[in-house]
Amino acid sequence: MLTLKLITEDKERVIKGLEKKHFNGAREAIENVLATDKRRREAQQQLDKTKQEAKQLASQIGALMKQGKREEADEVKKQVAELKQADKNLQEAMDTAKNEMDALLCTIPNIPYDEVPEGSCAEDNHVVKSNLKECVEGDTVGNWTANPEVAEAKLPHWELAKKYNLIDFDLGVKITGAGFPVYVGKGARLQRALINFFLDEARNSGYTEIMPPTVVNADSGYGTGQLPDKEGQMYHCEIDDLYLIPTAEVPVTNIYRDVILDEKDLPVKNCAYTQCFRREAGSYGKDVRGLNRLHEFSKIEIVRIDKPEHSKESHREMLEHVEGLLKKLELPYRILLLCGGDQSFTSAICYDFEVYSEAQKRWLEVSSVSNFDTYQANRLKCRYRHTDDKKIELCHTLNGSALALPRIVAAILENNQTADGIRVPKCLIPYCGFDMID
């Protein structure tokens, strides 16, 4: 969440940033936070005052008793008791104001960086790079036109999966429900090949592999911002009050909850493969067919914890890492800088990677790479200690998909289909043990 220090010292910039994110009632929300904090500070000041008065009075009691002035001592004791009751009431008022302020801050999103473009929806995102000629720097998504080199209509991945017996969507419905596919034979081997390829590439880039739990407690969901913002998107185990993770970002980032790191150990670089679970309530239609949107899927996540002055460099390195994966997979891709209105609740800046679906004639998002500034770290109490002056301050947190598998599989199948079968990208052949799906 936003720090009170930022809101207090730079209120107008915060309000302007929230308006860029199209957060309704930005000024009112910030004014409510400041008014609640004022109540807290006033209660704190009064509490300090009464504690001091009680301390001064209490120091008189012993002397009065020694002088035989019992009645005066009893009167002072009564005054001290009254002050202690006042202390209790003031403490309750202060705690109430603090809790109200924290609850208000949880409803306010992160503010975007200055370089984030204005815009209200996905059509306003900026294409900053692509390996297709029609996507030139500065274009918005809505201005993009189809690649003329794309072949005539080919089979979509769900038909290819059935033709080559790679994925059984109907069996998944039987076992669990829609959005839980069963991978079979070479389809399962392709999944495993991608997982190992992505993990090896992350390790080669200096990331330490983590194998975290795939269920987390509410504190972890709160720490990374999934709670209380996204309860409806998460599967909840009510009896144990645990949540199935929507991404490995949640357990991996929460490793550093309530932790003070040493400056010399930054940046921390972790990666993790997990199954991910998303309810995606209300999802239906052609855009969710096949692998386009699932309730359970595999994903490799990269997470960094860094100091503020280096986090933008970390973000750049993460973007290069994800782009390198797409190049090695030989897929048509583009990179989008998300506008303010299309950013997530917690991000300060986010780039999306999309791959092109030949059969569907549309772009499929396969990765989001975000810098959260101190927003998550403030919730997590994730801090670092300066080497020189031992000062302690909040870290920056970053994460990105590297990569999510379902749409990558869809793009590989659709973009590599030939008369003889589906060609496997060269980088995956050592991992899956075959070069064609036929």
Protein backbone atom coordinates (compact mmCIF):
# COMPACT_ATOMS: atom_id res chain seq x y z
CA MET A 1 0.00 0.00 0.00
CA LEU A 2 1.02 3.62 -0.38
CA THR A 3 3.11 4.95 2.47
CA LEU A 4 1.64 7.62 4.70
CA LYS A 5 4.89 9.56 4.26
CA LEU A 6 4.34 9.76 0.48
CA ILE A 7 0.72 10.81 0.88
CA THR A 8 1.57 13.46 3.48
CA GLU A 9 4.59 14.93 1.70
CA ASP A 10 3.35 14.73 -1.90
CA LYS A 11 -0.44 14.67 -1.74
CA GLU A 12 -1.11 16.30 -5.12
CA ARG A 13 1.25 13.94 -6.98
CA VAL A 14 -0.48 10.97 -5.36
CA ILE A 15 -3.91 12.26 -6.35
CA LYS A 16 -2.75 12.93 -9.91
CA GLY A 17 -1.28 9.42 -10.11
CA LEU A 18 -4.51 7.84 -8.87
CA GLU A 19 -6.46 9.81 -11.45
CA LYS A 20 -4.13 8.49 -14.18
CA LYS A 21 -5.07 5.02 -12.95
CA HIS A 22 -8.74 6.03 -13.22
CA PHE A 23 -9.34 5.46 -9.53
CA ASN A 24 -12.70 7.01 -8.71
CA GLY A 25 -12.81 9.41 -5.77
CA ALA A 26 -9.03 9.81 -5.57
CA ARG A 27 -9.03 13.16 -3.76
CA GLU A 28 -11.74 12.11 -1.33
CA ALA A 29 -9.90 8.88 -0.50
CA ILE A 30 -6.62 10.68 0.19
CA GLU A 31 -8.34 13.37 2.27
CA ASN A 32 -10.02 10.62 4.31
CA VAL A 33 -6.65 8.99 4.96
CA LEU A 34 -5.14 12.30 6.10
CA ALA A 35 -8.15 13.12 8.30
CA THR A 36 -8.00 9.69 9.94
CA ASP A 37 -4.27 10.05 10.50
CA LYS A 38 -4.90 13.45 12.09
CA ARG A 39 -7.29 11.81 14.57
CA ARG A 40 -4.66 9.20 15.32
CA ARG A 41 -1.94 11.81 15.88
CA GLU A 42 -4.19 13.93 18.11
CA ALA A 43 -5.02 10.89 20.22
CA GLN A 44 -1.31 10.03 20.39
CA GLN A 45 -0.41 13.55 21.52
CA GLN A 46 -3.10 13.54 24.19
CA LEU A 47 -2.04 10.07 25.31
CA ASP A 48 1.57 11.20 25.68
CA LYS A 49 0.37 14.17 27.69
CA THR A 50 -1.77 12.16 30.11
CA LYS A 51 0.96 9.55 30.58
CA GLN A 52 3.36 12.30 31.55
CA GLU A 53 0.83 13.80 33.98
CA ALA A 54 0.18 10.39 35.52
CA LYS A 55 3.91 9.78 35.91
CA GLN A 56 4.42 13.14 37.64
CA LEU A 57 1.49 12.57 40.01
CA ALA A 58 2.54 8.99 40.80
CA SER A 59 5.96 10.26 41.84
CA GLN A 60 4.28 12.35 44.57
CA ILE A 61 2.46 9.49 46.27
CA GLY A 62 5.44 8.01 48.09
CA ALA A 63 6.49 11.37 49.53
CA LEU A 64 2.95 12.16 50.71
CA MET A 65 2.70 8.78 52.45
CA LYS A 66 6.02 9.34 54.21
CA GLN A 67 4.70 12.69 55.43
CA GLY A 68 1.60 11.01 56.80
CA LYS A 69 -0.64 12.80 54.33
CA ARG A 70 -2.68 9.73 53.51
CA GLU A 71 -5.81 11.59 52.38
CA GLU A 72 -3.80 13.70 49.95
CA ALA A 73 -2.00 10.57 48.74
CA ASP A 74 -5.36 8.82 48.19
CA GLU A 75 -6.59 11.83 46.19
CA VAL A 76 -3.50 11.70 44.01
CA LYS A 77 -4.01 7.95 43.53
CA LYS A 78 -7.56 8.68 42.39
CA GLN A 79 -6.30 11.23 39.87
CA VAL A 80 -3.72 8.74 38.59
CA ALA A 81 -6.44 6.09 38.18
CA GLU A 82 -8.60 8.54 36.23
CA LEU A 83 -5.67 9.39 33.98
CA LYS A 84 -4.98 5.70 33.41
CA GLN A 85 -8.60 5.21 32.34
CA ALA A 86 -8.22 8.20 30.04
CA ASP A 87 -5.04 6.58 28.70
CA LYS A 88 -7.00 3.41 27.93
CA ASN A 89 -9.69 5.35 26.08
CA LEU A 90 -7.11 7.34 24.13
CA GLN A 91 -5.22 4.16 23.23
CA GLU A 92 -8.45 2.63 21.94
CA ALA A 93 -9.20 5.79 19.93
CA MET A 94 -5.68 5.76 18.51
CA ASP A 95 -5.88 2.06 17.60
CA THR A 96 -9.28 2.54 16.01
CA ALA A 97 -8.00 5.42 13.89
CA LYS A 98 -4.92 3.40 12.89
CA ASN A 99 -7.04 0.41 11.86
CA GLU A 100 -9.42 2.66 9.91
CA MET A 101 -6.48 4.30 8.15
CA ASP A 102 -4.93 0.94 7.20
CA ALA A 103 -8.30 -0.25 5.89
CA LEU A 104 -8.60 2.92 3.78
CA LEU A 105 -5.06 2.51 2.43
CA CYS A 106 -5.90 -1.05 1.34
CA THR A 107 -8.61 0.31 -0.95
CA ILE A 108 -6.23 2.70 -2.72
CA PRO A 109 -4.12 1.36 -5.62
CA ASN A 110 -0.49 2.07 -6.33
CA ILE A 111 0.31 5.18 -8.35
CA PRO A 112 1.91 4.78 -11.80
CA TYR A 113 5.33 6.07 -12.75
CA ASP A 114 5.52 9.23 -14.86
CA GLU A 115 6.44 7.27 -18.02
CA VAL A 116 3.19 5.28 -17.86
CA PRO A 117 0.94 6.60 -20.66
CA GLU A 118 -2.52 8.03 -20.15
CA GLY A 119 -5.41 5.77 -21.08
CA SER A 120 -8.44 3.99 -19.72
CA CYS A 121 -8.36 0.49 -21.25
CA ALA A 122 -6.35 -2.09 -23.19
CA GLU A 123 -6.84 -0.26 -26.49
CA ASP A 124 -4.78 2.62 -25.10
CA ASN A 125 -1.70 0.51 -24.33
CA HIS A 126 1.43 1.36 -26.31
CA VAL A 127 3.28 -1.15 -28.47
CA VAL A 128 6.95 -0.44 -27.72
CA LYS A 129 8.53 -3.33 -29.58
CA SER A 130 7.66 -6.23 -31.85
CA ASN A 131 9.24 -8.67 -34.23
CA LEU A 132 6.38 -8.05 -36.67
CA LYS A 133 6.79 -5.12 -39.05
CA GLU A 134 3.30 -3.73 -38.53
CA CYS A 135 3.88 -3.08 -34.82
CA VAL A 136 6.00 0.04 -34.73
CA GLU A 137 7.07 1.91 -31.64
CA GLY A 138 4.41 4.30 -30.40
CA ASP A 139 1.44 2.49 -31.95
CA THR A 140 -1.51 1.77 -29.73
CA VAL A 141 -3.08 -1.66 -29.68
CA GLY A 142 -6.11 -0.48 -31.59
CA ASN A 143 -3.99 0.72 -34.53
CA TRP A 144 -2.38 -2.67 -35.17
CA THR A 145 -3.31 -4.49 -38.40
CA ALA A 146 -2.91 -8.18 -39.21
CA ASN A 147 0.45 -9.45 -40.37
CA PRO A 148 0.27 -9.96 -44.18
CA GLU A 149 2.73 -12.85 -43.93
CA VAL A 150 0.33 -14.91 -41.83
CA ALA A 151 -0.77 -17.95 -43.82
CA GLU A 152 -4.37 -18.66 -44.77
CA ALA A 153 -6.60 -19.95 -42.01
CA LYS A 154 -4.96 -22.78 -40.08
CA LEU A 155 -6.33 -25.01 -37.38
CA PRO A 156 -6.70 -23.46 -33.92
CA HIS A 157 -4.80 -25.16 -31.12
CA TRP A 158 -7.85 -26.91 -29.66
CA GLU A 159 -8.38 -28.73 -32.99
CA LEU A 160 -4.68 -29.50 -33.27
CA ALA A 161 -4.70 -30.85 -29.71
CA LYS A 162 -7.53 -33.20 -30.64
CA LYS A 163 -6.01 -34.18 -33.98
CA TYR A 164 -2.67 -35.20 -32.45
CA ASN A 165 -4.08 -36.38 -29.09
CA LEU A 166 -2.16 -33.78 -27.06
CA ILE A 167 -4.79 -32.28 -24.74
CA ASP A 168 -8.15 -33.71 -23.72
CA PHE A 169 -10.46 -30.88 -22.74
CA ASP A 170 -13.54 -33.12 -22.37
CA LEU A 171 -11.74 -35.44 -19.97
CA GLY A 172 -10.80 -32.42 -17.86
CA VAL A 173 -14.48 -31.45 -17.69
CA LYS A 174 -15.35 -34.98 -16.57
CA ILE A 175 -12.72 -35.05 -13.83
CA THR A 176 -13.05 -31.47 -12.57
CA GLY A 177 -14.84 -29.01 -14.84
CA ALA A 178 -14.22 -26.55 -17.65
CA GLY A 179 -10.81 -24.89 -17.56
CA PHE A 180 -8.93 -27.95 -16.20
CA PRO A 181 -7.45 -29.71 -19.27
CA VAL A 182 -5.70 -33.07 -19.25
CA TYR A 183 -2.37 -33.17 -21.14
CA VAL A 184 -1.64 -36.47 -22.85
CA GLY A 185 1.43 -38.09 -24.42
CA LYS A 186 3.49 -35.59 -26.38
CA GLY A 187 1.27 -32.82 -25.03
CA ALA A 188 2.37 -33.65 -21.48
CA ARG A 189 5.99 -34.01 -22.59
CA LEU A 190 5.84 -30.61 -24.29
CA GLN A 191 4.56 -29.08 -21.04
CA ARG A 192 7.38 -30.65 -19.05
CA ALA A 193 9.92 -29.57 -21.66
CA LEU A 194 8.78 -25.95 -21.42
CA ILE A 195 8.90 -26.00 -17.61
CA ASN A 196 12.45 -27.33 -17.57
CA PHE A 197 13.57 -24.99 -20.36
CA PHE A 198 12.21 -21.92 -18.56
CA LEU A 199 13.72 -22.97 -15.21
CA ASP A 200 17.12 -23.63 -16.78
CA GLU A 201 17.07 -20.27 -18.54
CA ALA A 202 16.18 -18.54 -15.25
CA ARG A 203 18.97 -20.33 -13.42
CA ASN A 204 21.42 -19.35 -16.16
CA SER A 205 20.33 -15.73 -15.60
CA GLY A 206 21.21 -15.90 -11.91
CA TYR A 207 17.84 -16.78 -10.37
CA THR A 208 17.68 -19.15 -7.40
CA GLU A 209 14.98 -21.76 -7.83
CA ILE A 210 12.31 -22.00 -5.14
CA MET A 211 9.70 -24.75 -4.75
CA PRO A 212 7.02 -23.05 -2.62
CA PRO A 213 3.63 -24.22 -1.33
CA THR A 214 0.70 -23.72 -3.70
CA VAL A 215 -1.65 -22.73 -0.87
CA VAL A 216 -1.11 -19.65 1.28
CA ASN A 217 -2.65 -18.01 4.30
CA ALA A 218 -4.52 -14.71 4.28
CA ASP A 219 -1.47 -12.78 5.52
CA SER A 220 0.43 -13.83 2.39
CA GLY A 221 -2.46 -12.82 0.15
CA TYR A 222 -2.57 -9.47 1.88
CA GLY A 223 1.20 -8.99 1.62
CA THR A 224 1.29 -9.07 -2.19
CA GLY A 225 -2.05 -7.33 -2.70
CA GLN A 226 -4.29 -10.21 -3.76
CA LEU A 227 -6.33 -9.61 -0.62
CA PRO A 228 -8.58 -7.82 -0.05
CA ASP A 229 -8.69 -6.81 -3.75
CA LYS A 230 -9.05 -10.15 -5.56
CA GLU A 231 -10.91 -12.57 -3.28
CA GLY A 232 -13.33 -13.42 -6.09
CA GLN A 233 -10.50 -14.61 -8.34
CA MET A 234 -8.94 -16.97 -5.79
CA TYR A 235 -10.00 -20.45 -4.73
CA HIS A 236 -10.60 -20.41 -0.97
CA CYS A 237 -10.29 -23.45 1.31
CA GLU A 238 -12.79 -22.18 3.87
CA ILE A 239 -12.28 -24.72 6.66
CA ASP A 240 -8.56 -23.96 6.89
CA ASP A 241 -8.85 -20.36 5.65
CA LEU A 242 -6.18 -20.99 3.00
CA TYR A 243 -6.04 -19.83 -0.62
CA LEU A 244 -4.81 -21.62 -3.74
CA ILE A 245 -2.19 -19.38 -5.30
CA PRO A 246 -2.98 -17.44 -8.50
CA THR A 247 0.77 -17.12 -9.18
CA ALA A 248 4.07 -18.08 -7.54
CA GLU A 249 4.59 -14.36 -6.92
CA VAL A 250 2.51 -14.74 -3.75
CA PRO A 251 4.47 -17.40 -1.82
CA VAL A 252 7.88 -16.40 -3.19
CA THR A 253 7.54 -12.69 -2.39
CA ASN A 254 6.14 -13.53 1.05
CA ILE A 255 9.39 -15.29 1.90
CA TYR A 256 10.58 -11.75 2.64
CA ARG A 257 7.59 -10.65 4.72
CA ASP A 258 8.79 -9.09 8.01
CA VAL A 259 12.40 -9.46 6.90
CA ILE A 260 15.22 -6.90 6.98
CA LEU A 261 17.76 -7.70 4.25
CA ASP A 262 21.33 -6.46 4.05
CA GLU A 263 22.08 -4.06 1.21
CA LYS A 264 24.95 -6.28 0.03
CA ASP A 265 22.50 -9.13 -0.61
CA LEU A 266 20.37 -7.13 -3.07
CA PRO A 267 19.01 -7.73 -5.57
CA VAL A 268 17.44 -10.99 -4.47
CA LYS A 269 16.57 -13.06 -7.56
CA ASN A 270 14.21 -16.03 -7.24
CA CYS A 271 12.30 -18.16 -9.72
CA ALA A 272 9.65 -20.81 -9.17
CA TYR A 273 7.53 -23.26 -11.14
CA THR A 274 4.06 -23.84 -9.71
CA GLN A 275 0.58 -24.74 -10.71
CA CYS A 276 -1.60 -21.63 -10.57
CA PHE A 277 -5.32 -21.42 -9.85
CA ARG A 278 -7.71 -18.67 -10.91
CA ARG A 279 -11.47 -18.77 -10.69
CA GLU A 280 -11.87 -16.21 -13.52
CA ALA A 281 -15.51 -15.81 -12.54
CA GLY A 282 -17.77 -14.93 -15.45
CA SER A 283 -15.31 -16.04 -18.16
CA TYR A 284 -17.02 -17.36 -21.26
CA GLY A 285 -17.07 -17.09 -25.07
CA LYS A 286 -14.52 -17.52 -27.83
CA ASP A 287 -11.77 -15.64 -25.97
CA VAL A 288 -11.60 -18.38 -23.33
CA ARG A 289 -11.76 -21.37 -25.65
CA GLY A 290 -9.11 -24.09 -25.45
CA LEU A 291 -6.00 -22.89 -23.62
CA ASN A 292 -6.83 -19.19 -23.88
CA ARG A 293 -7.99 -18.99 -20.28
CA LEU A 294 -7.80 -21.77 -17.71
CA HIS A 295 -8.62 -22.21 -14.05
CA GLU A 296 -5.47 -24.28 -13.46
CA PHE A 297 -2.25 -23.84 -15.39
CA SER A 298 1.54 -24.08 -15.13
CA LYS A 299 3.73 -21.00 -14.86
CA ILE A 300 7.32 -20.07 -14.10
CA GLU A 301 7.63 -16.82 -12.18
CA ILE A 302 10.66 -14.61 -11.65
CA VAL A 303 10.73 -12.39 -8.55
CA ARG A 304 13.19 -9.72 -7.49
CA ILE A 305 13.66 -7.76 -4.28
CA ASP A 306 15.84 -4.70 -4.84
CA LYS A 307 16.86 -1.33 -3.47
CA PRO A 308 14.99 1.68 -4.93
CA GLU A 309 17.85 3.17 -6.96
CA HIS A 310 18.46 -0.12 -8.80
CA SER A 311 14.92 -1.41 -9.33
CA LYS A 312 14.45 0.15 -12.77
CA GLU A 313 17.60 -1.59 -13.96
CA SER A 314 16.25 -4.85 -12.51
CA HIS A 315 13.00 -4.28 -14.37
CA ARG A 316 14.88 -3.78 -17.64
CA GLU A 317 16.86 -6.99 -17.10
CA MET A 318 13.66 -8.92 -16.44
CA LEU A 319 12.11 -7.62 -19.65
CA GLU A 320 15.19 -8.69 -21.60
CA HIS A 321 15.01 -12.14 -20.01
CA VAL A 322 11.38 -12.70 -21.04
CA GLU A 323 12.01 -11.35 -24.55
CA GLY A 324 14.97 -13.73 -24.87
CA LEU A 325 12.70 -16.68 -24.13
CA LEU A 326 10.26 -15.70 -26.87
CA LYS A 327 13.11 -15.26 -29.34
CA LYS A 328 14.45 -18.72 -28.58
CA LEU A 329 10.95 -20.15 -29.01
CA GLU A 330 10.82 -18.45 -32.43
CA LEU A 331 7.40 -16.94 -31.76
CA PRO A 332 5.92 -13.71 -33.16
CA TYR A 333 5.63 -11.34 -30.19
CA ARG A 334 5.11 -7.77 -29.15
CA ILE A 335 5.75 -5.82 -25.96
CA LEU A 336 3.16 -3.41 -24.58
CA LEU A 337 3.60 -0.63 -22.04
CA LEU A 338 0.30 -0.62 -20.19
CA CYS A 339 -1.57 2.65 -19.79
CA GLY A 340 -2.65 3.87 -16.37
CA GLY A 341 -6.20 2.56 -16.66
CA ASP A 342 -5.13 -0.96 -17.66
CA GLN A 343 -2.53 -1.49 -14.94
CA SER A 344 -3.07 -3.83 -12.03
CA PHE A 345 -4.06 -2.52 -8.61
CA THR A 346 -0.55 -2.96 -7.20
CA SER A 347 1.84 -2.11 -10.07
CA ALA A 348 3.70 1.16 -10.63
CA ILE A 349 4.66 0.18 -14.18
CA CYS A 350 3.90 -2.94 -16.20
CA TYR A 351 4.86 -4.34 -19.59
CA ASP A 352 2.86 -7.15 -21.17
CA PHE A 353 4.27 -9.66 -23.65
CA GLU A 354 1.89 -11.07 -26.23
CA VAL A 355 2.33 -13.79 -28.86
CA TYR A 356 0.37 -13.91 -32.07
CA SER A 357 -2.17 -16.66 -32.71
CA GLU A 358 -2.25 -17.39 -36.44
CA ALA A 359 -5.44 -19.43 -36.38
CA GLN A 360 -7.35 -17.08 -34.08
CA LYS A 361 -5.96 -13.90 -35.68
CA ARG A 362 -5.42 -12.34 -32.28
CA TRP A 363 -2.75 -11.61 -29.70
CA LEU A 364 -2.46 -13.72 -26.56
CA GLU A 365 -0.91 -12.34 -23.37
CA VAL A 366 1.81 -14.64 -22.03
CA SER A 367 3.62 -12.46 -19.49
CA SER A 368 3.30 -9.35 -17.36
CA VAL A 369 6.50 -7.90 -15.91
CA SER A 370 5.87 -5.35 -13.16
CA ASN A 371 7.68 -3.06 -10.77
CA PHE A 372 5.63 -2.42 -7.64
CA ASP A 373 7.96 0.20 -6.15
CA THR A 374 7.41 0.10 -2.35
CA TYR A 375 3.70 -0.76 -2.58
CA GLN A 376 4.02 -4.48 -1.79
CA ALA A 377 7.05 -3.98 0.46
CA ASN A 378 5.06 -1.62 2.68
CA ARG A 379 2.39 -4.30 3.17
CA LEU A 380 5.03 -6.99 3.65
CA LYS A 381 7.31 -4.89 5.87
CA CYS A 382 10.10 -5.99 3.54
CA ARG A 383 13.07 -3.72 4.23
CA TYR A 384 16.82 -3.51 3.85
CA ARG A 385 19.63 -2.09 5.95
CA HIS A 386 22.14 0.29 4.35
CA THR A 387 25.73 -0.88 4.62
CA ASP A 388 27.17 2.55 5.49
CA ASP A 389 24.81 4.29 7.89
CA LYS A 390 22.69 1.25 8.91
CA LYS A 391 19.55 3.15 7.91
CA ILE A 392 16.55 0.89 7.26
CA GLU A 393 14.12 1.55 4.41
CA LEU A 394 11.56 -0.25 2.26
CA CYS A 395 12.68 -2.43 -0.64
CA HIS A 396 11.18 -2.44 -4.13
CA THR A 397 9.54 -5.66 -5.34
CA LEU A 398 9.27 -6.85 -8.95
CA ASN A 399 7.89 -9.93 -10.65
CA GLY A 400 7.12 -11.36 -14.05
CA SER A 401 5.93 -14.49 -15.82
CA ALA A 402 8.80 -16.30 -17.51
CA LEU A 403 6.59 -17.79 -18.81
CA ALA A 404 2.95 -18.87 -18.45
CA LEU A 405 2.53 -22.11 -20.39
CA PRO A 406 -1.02 -22.40 -21.79
CA ARG A 407 -0.90 -19.64 -24.40
CA ILE A 408 2.74 -20.42 -25.19
CA VAL A 409 1.64 -23.98 -26.01
CA ALA A 410 -1.24 -22.59 -28.09
CA ALA A 411 1.13 -20.33 -30.03
CA ILE A 412 3.70 -23.11 -30.59
CA LEU A 413 1.02 -25.45 -31.96
CA GLU A 414 -0.63 -22.84 -34.19
CA ASN A 415 2.50 -21.14 -35.50
CA ASN A 416 4.45 -24.33 -36.24
CA GLN A 417 1.85 -26.51 -37.93
CA THR A 418 2.90 -27.98 -41.28
CA ALA A 419 1.56 -30.56 -43.70
CA ASP A 420 3.67 -33.18 -41.91
CA GLY A 421 2.79 -32.21 -38.35
CA ILE A 422 3.80 -29.62 -35.79
CA ARG A 423 7.43 -28.54 -35.71
CA VAL A 424 8.99 -28.29 -32.24
CA PRO A 425 11.16 -25.19 -31.62
CA LYS A 426 14.85 -26.09 -31.71
CA CYS A 427 15.46 -24.96 -28.13
CA LEU A 428 12.91 -27.50 -26.83
CA ILE A 429 14.06 -30.58 -28.75
CA PRO A 430 16.71 -31.57 -26.13
CA TYR A 431 14.05 -31.29 -23.42
CA CYS A 432 11.19 -33.20 -25.05
CA GLY A 433 13.17 -35.70 -27.13
CA PHE A 434 11.30 -35.23 -30.42
CA ASP A 435 11.36 -32.59 -33.16
CA MET A 436 7.89 -33.17 -34.64
CA ILE A 437 4.41 -33.82 -33.30
CA ASP A 438 2.75 -36.09 -35.86
